[in-house]
Amino acid sequence: MTPNINYKYSVFREDAMEYLLKNVEQFPKEVPGKISISIFQGWRWVESLEGEIIFADCISPCITAKDLQERREQTVELWGCLK
C-alpha cells in the first residue's frame, strides 16, 4: 500500500527549507507574540505550545531547528562527494 503523500505541500516545505539554508544561520531564541510576520511565502516563525521555535505555514509539515541542521549536514556530505 502506498502512503498518502501530498506532494504539493512537500514542494512548499522544500522551498521553505531552501530559503532557510540560504538566509538563516540559526533559529531565533524566541518569537515576540509567539507568531512572527510572514517571512517567506506565508512561512513564519512560531513558538509552539511546548516552547519550541519552528518555521511553519500551518499547512505543510513544519521545519524544526533539528530538520535544518540535518539538511545542512547532508549538504556538506554531498559537497564532499562532488570534490
N, C-alpha and C. Protein backbone atom coordinates (compact mmCIF):
# COMPACT_ATOMS: atom_id res chain seq x y z
N MET A 1 0.84 -1.19 0.00
CA MET A 1 0.00 0.00 0.00
C MET A 1 0.89 1.25 0.00
N THR A 2 0.62 2.17 -0.89
CA THR A 2 1.38 3.42 -1.00
C THR A 2 0.88 4.41 0.04
N PRO A 3 1.81 5.05 0.79
CA PRO A 3 1.36 6.04 1.78
C PRO A 3 0.71 7.24 1.08
N ASN A 4 -0.21 7.87 1.76
CA ASN A 4 -0.90 9.04 1.24
C ASN A 4 0.00 10.26 1.43
N ILE A 5 0.66 10.70 0.37
CA ILE A 5 1.59 11.82 0.42
C ILE A 5 1.04 12.96 -0.42
N ASN A 6 1.01 14.14 0.15
CA ASN A 6 0.58 15.31 -0.60
C ASN A 6 1.83 16.02 -1.12
N TYR A 7 2.16 15.76 -2.38
CA TYR A 7 3.39 16.29 -2.95
C TYR A 7 3.39 17.81 -3.04
N LYS A 8 2.23 18.40 -3.18
CA LYS A 8 2.13 19.86 -3.25
C LYS A 8 2.75 20.49 -2.00
N TYR A 9 2.42 19.96 -0.84
CA TYR A 9 2.93 20.52 0.40
C TYR A 9 4.40 20.17 0.61
N SER A 10 4.84 19.05 0.06
CA SER A 10 6.25 18.69 0.13
C SER A 10 7.09 19.70 -0.65
N VAL A 11 6.59 20.15 -1.79
CA VAL A 11 7.29 21.16 -2.58
C VAL A 11 7.35 22.48 -1.82
N PHE A 12 6.25 22.89 -1.20
CA PHE A 12 6.23 24.14 -0.43
C PHE A 12 7.24 24.07 0.71
N ARG A 13 7.29 22.93 1.39
CA ARG A 13 8.22 22.75 2.51
C ARG A 13 9.66 22.79 2.00
N GLU A 14 9.91 22.16 0.88
CA GLU A 14 11.27 22.15 0.33
C GLU A 14 11.71 23.56 -0.07
N ASP A 15 10.79 24.36 -0.63
CA ASP A 15 11.11 25.75 -0.95
C ASP A 15 11.47 26.52 0.32
N ALA A 16 10.70 26.30 1.38
CA ALA A 16 10.97 26.98 2.65
C ALA A 16 12.32 26.53 3.22
N MET A 17 12.63 25.25 3.11
CA MET A 17 13.91 24.73 3.60
C MET A 17 15.06 25.38 2.83
N GLU A 18 14.93 25.50 1.53
CA GLU A 18 15.97 26.14 0.71
C GLU A 18 16.15 27.60 1.12
N TYR A 19 15.04 28.28 1.41
CA TYR A 19 15.12 29.66 1.88
C TYR A 19 15.94 29.73 3.17
N LEU A 20 15.61 28.85 4.12
CA LEU A 20 16.33 28.85 5.39
C LEU A 20 17.82 28.56 5.19
N LEU A 21 18.14 27.59 4.35
CA LEU A 21 19.54 27.25 4.11
C LEU A 21 20.33 28.44 3.59
N LYS A 22 19.70 29.24 2.75
CA LYS A 22 20.39 30.38 2.14
C LYS A 22 20.39 31.63 3.00
N ASN A 23 19.42 31.76 3.92
CA ASN A 23 19.22 33.04 4.59
C ASN A 23 19.28 33.04 6.11
N VAL A 24 19.31 31.87 6.74
CA VAL A 24 19.21 31.83 8.20
C VAL A 24 20.36 31.01 8.78
N GLU A 25 21.16 31.64 9.64
CA GLU A 25 22.26 30.93 10.30
C GLU A 25 21.74 30.03 11.41
N GLN A 26 20.79 30.53 12.19
CA GLN A 26 20.22 29.74 13.27
C GLN A 26 18.81 30.22 13.57
N PHE A 27 18.03 29.35 14.16
CA PHE A 27 16.67 29.70 14.54
C PHE A 27 16.70 30.77 15.63
N PRO A 28 15.68 31.62 15.69
CA PRO A 28 15.63 32.62 16.77
C PRO A 28 15.45 31.92 18.12
N LYS A 29 15.89 32.57 19.17
CA LYS A 29 15.74 32.02 20.53
C LYS A 29 14.33 32.20 21.06
N GLU A 30 13.66 33.25 20.58
CA GLU A 30 12.27 33.50 20.99
C GLU A 30 11.53 34.22 19.87
N VAL A 31 10.21 34.18 19.94
CA VAL A 31 9.37 34.85 18.96
C VAL A 31 8.41 35.77 19.72
N PRO A 32 8.65 37.09 19.68
CA PRO A 32 7.73 38.01 20.36
C PRO A 32 6.30 37.81 19.86
N GLY A 33 5.37 37.61 20.77
CA GLY A 33 3.97 37.41 20.41
C GLY A 33 3.66 35.99 19.97
N LYS A 34 4.66 35.10 20.01
CA LYS A 34 4.52 33.68 19.68
C LYS A 34 4.42 33.37 18.20
N ILE A 35 4.07 34.35 17.33
CA ILE A 35 3.98 34.15 15.88
C ILE A 35 4.52 35.40 15.20
N SER A 36 5.47 35.21 14.26
CA SER A 36 6.06 36.35 13.56
C SER A 36 5.21 36.73 12.35
N ILE A 37 5.63 37.80 11.71
CA ILE A 37 5.03 38.15 10.42
C ILE A 37 5.48 37.13 9.39
N SER A 38 4.88 37.13 8.24
CA SER A 38 5.27 36.22 7.16
C SER A 38 6.71 36.54 6.74
N ILE A 39 7.54 35.52 6.69
CA ILE A 39 8.95 35.67 6.34
C ILE A 39 9.20 35.26 4.89
N PHE A 40 8.59 34.14 4.51
CA PHE A 40 8.81 33.58 3.17
C PHE A 40 7.54 32.87 2.71
N GLN A 41 6.86 33.42 1.73
CA GLN A 41 5.67 32.81 1.12
C GLN A 41 4.70 32.23 2.14
N GLY A 42 4.38 32.99 3.16
CA GLY A 42 3.43 32.57 4.19
C GLY A 42 4.05 31.78 5.33
N TRP A 43 5.33 31.47 5.23
CA TRP A 43 6.03 30.78 6.31
C TRP A 43 6.48 31.80 7.33
N ARG A 44 6.39 31.44 8.58
CA ARG A 44 6.74 32.36 9.67
C ARG A 44 7.31 31.59 10.85
N TRP A 45 7.96 32.32 11.74
CA TRP A 45 8.45 31.73 12.97
C TRP A 45 7.28 31.58 13.93
N VAL A 46 7.19 30.43 14.56
CA VAL A 46 6.11 30.15 15.51
C VAL A 46 6.72 29.50 16.74
N GLU A 47 6.28 29.94 17.91
CA GLU A 47 6.66 29.27 19.14
C GLU A 47 5.54 28.31 19.51
N SER A 48 5.84 27.02 19.50
CA SER A 48 4.81 26.01 19.77
C SER A 48 4.38 26.06 21.24
N LEU A 49 3.33 25.35 21.55
CA LEU A 49 2.85 25.28 22.93
C LEU A 49 3.90 24.68 23.86
N GLU A 50 4.78 23.85 23.30
CA GLU A 50 5.86 23.24 24.07
C GLU A 50 7.07 24.16 24.21
N GLY A 51 7.02 25.33 23.57
CA GLY A 51 8.12 26.29 23.65
C GLY A 51 9.17 26.12 22.57
N GLU A 52 8.95 25.22 21.61
CA GLU A 52 9.90 25.00 20.52
C GLU A 52 9.64 26.03 19.41
N ILE A 53 10.73 26.60 18.88
CA ILE A 53 10.60 27.53 17.75
C ILE A 53 10.61 26.69 16.47
N ILE A 54 9.62 26.91 15.62
CA ILE A 54 9.51 26.20 14.36
C ILE A 54 9.27 27.21 13.23
N PHE A 55 9.52 26.77 12.01
CA PHE A 55 9.22 27.57 10.83
C PHE A 55 8.04 26.87 10.18
N ALA A 56 6.92 27.57 10.02
CA ALA A 56 5.70 26.89 9.61
C ALA A 56 4.80 27.79 8.77
N ASP A 57 3.99 27.13 7.93
CA ASP A 57 2.94 27.84 7.22
C ASP A 57 1.56 27.34 7.65
N CYS A 58 1.52 26.47 8.62
CA CYS A 58 0.29 25.90 9.20
C CYS A 58 -0.48 25.02 8.21
N ILE A 59 0.16 24.64 7.11
CA ILE A 59 -0.44 23.71 6.15
C ILE A 59 0.52 22.55 5.92
N SER A 60 1.75 22.88 5.58
CA SER A 60 2.79 21.89 5.32
C SER A 60 3.41 21.45 6.65
N PRO A 61 4.10 20.30 6.65
CA PRO A 61 4.83 19.92 7.86
C PRO A 61 5.85 21.01 8.21
N CYS A 62 5.92 21.37 9.48
CA CYS A 62 6.82 22.45 9.90
C CYS A 62 8.28 22.04 9.79
N ILE A 63 9.15 23.02 9.89
CA ILE A 63 10.60 22.79 9.87
C ILE A 63 11.13 23.16 11.25
N THR A 64 11.83 22.23 11.87
CA THR A 64 12.43 22.47 13.18
C THR A 64 13.91 22.80 13.02
N ALA A 65 14.51 23.27 14.09
CA ALA A 65 15.95 23.55 14.06
C ALA A 65 16.72 22.27 13.75
N LYS A 66 16.26 21.14 14.27
CA LYS A 66 16.91 19.86 14.01
C LYS A 66 16.82 19.50 12.52
N ASP A 67 15.65 19.74 11.91
CA ASP A 67 15.49 19.48 10.47
C ASP A 67 16.50 20.28 9.66
N LEU A 68 16.65 21.56 10.00
CA LEU A 68 17.57 22.43 9.27
C LEU A 68 19.01 21.97 9.46
N GLN A 69 19.38 21.61 10.69
CA GLN A 69 20.73 21.15 10.96
C GLN A 69 21.03 19.86 10.20
N GLU A 70 20.10 18.94 10.20
CA GLU A 70 20.29 17.68 9.46
C GLU A 70 20.48 17.93 7.97
N ARG A 71 19.70 18.87 7.42
CA ARG A 71 19.83 19.18 5.99
C ARG A 71 21.19 19.80 5.70
N ARG A 72 21.65 20.67 6.60
CA ARG A 72 22.97 21.27 6.41
C ARG A 72 24.05 20.19 6.41
N GLU A 73 23.95 19.25 7.32
CA GLU A 73 24.93 18.17 7.38
C GLU A 73 24.89 17.31 6.11
N GLN A 74 23.71 17.04 5.60
CA GLN A 74 23.58 16.27 4.36
C GLN A 74 24.19 17.03 3.20
N THR A 75 23.98 18.34 3.16
CA THR A 75 24.51 19.16 2.09
C THR A 75 26.04 19.16 2.11
N VAL A 76 26.63 19.24 3.29
CA VAL A 76 28.08 19.20 3.42
C VAL A 76 28.61 17.85 2.94
N GLU A 77 27.93 16.78 3.31
CA GLU A 77 28.34 15.44 2.86
C GLU A 77 28.27 15.33 1.34
N LEU A 78 27.22 15.85 0.74
CA LEU A 78 27.09 15.80 -0.71
C LEU A 78 28.18 16.58 -1.41
N TRP A 79 28.51 17.77 -0.88
CA TRP A 79 29.57 18.57 -1.49
C TRP A 79 30.90 17.84 -1.41
N GLY A 80 31.11 17.10 -0.32
CA GLY A 80 32.35 16.33 -0.18
C GLY A 80 32.47 15.27 -1.26
N CYS A 81 31.35 14.70 -1.68
CA CYS A 81 31.36 13.68 -2.74
C CYS A 81 31.65 14.30 -4.11
N LEU A 82 31.33 15.56 -4.29
CA LEU A 82 31.48 16.20 -5.59
C LEU A 82 32.87 16.77 -5.83
N LYS A 83 33.69 16.83 -4.79
CA LYS A 83 35.04 17.42 -4.95
C LYS A 83 35.98 16.45 -5.60
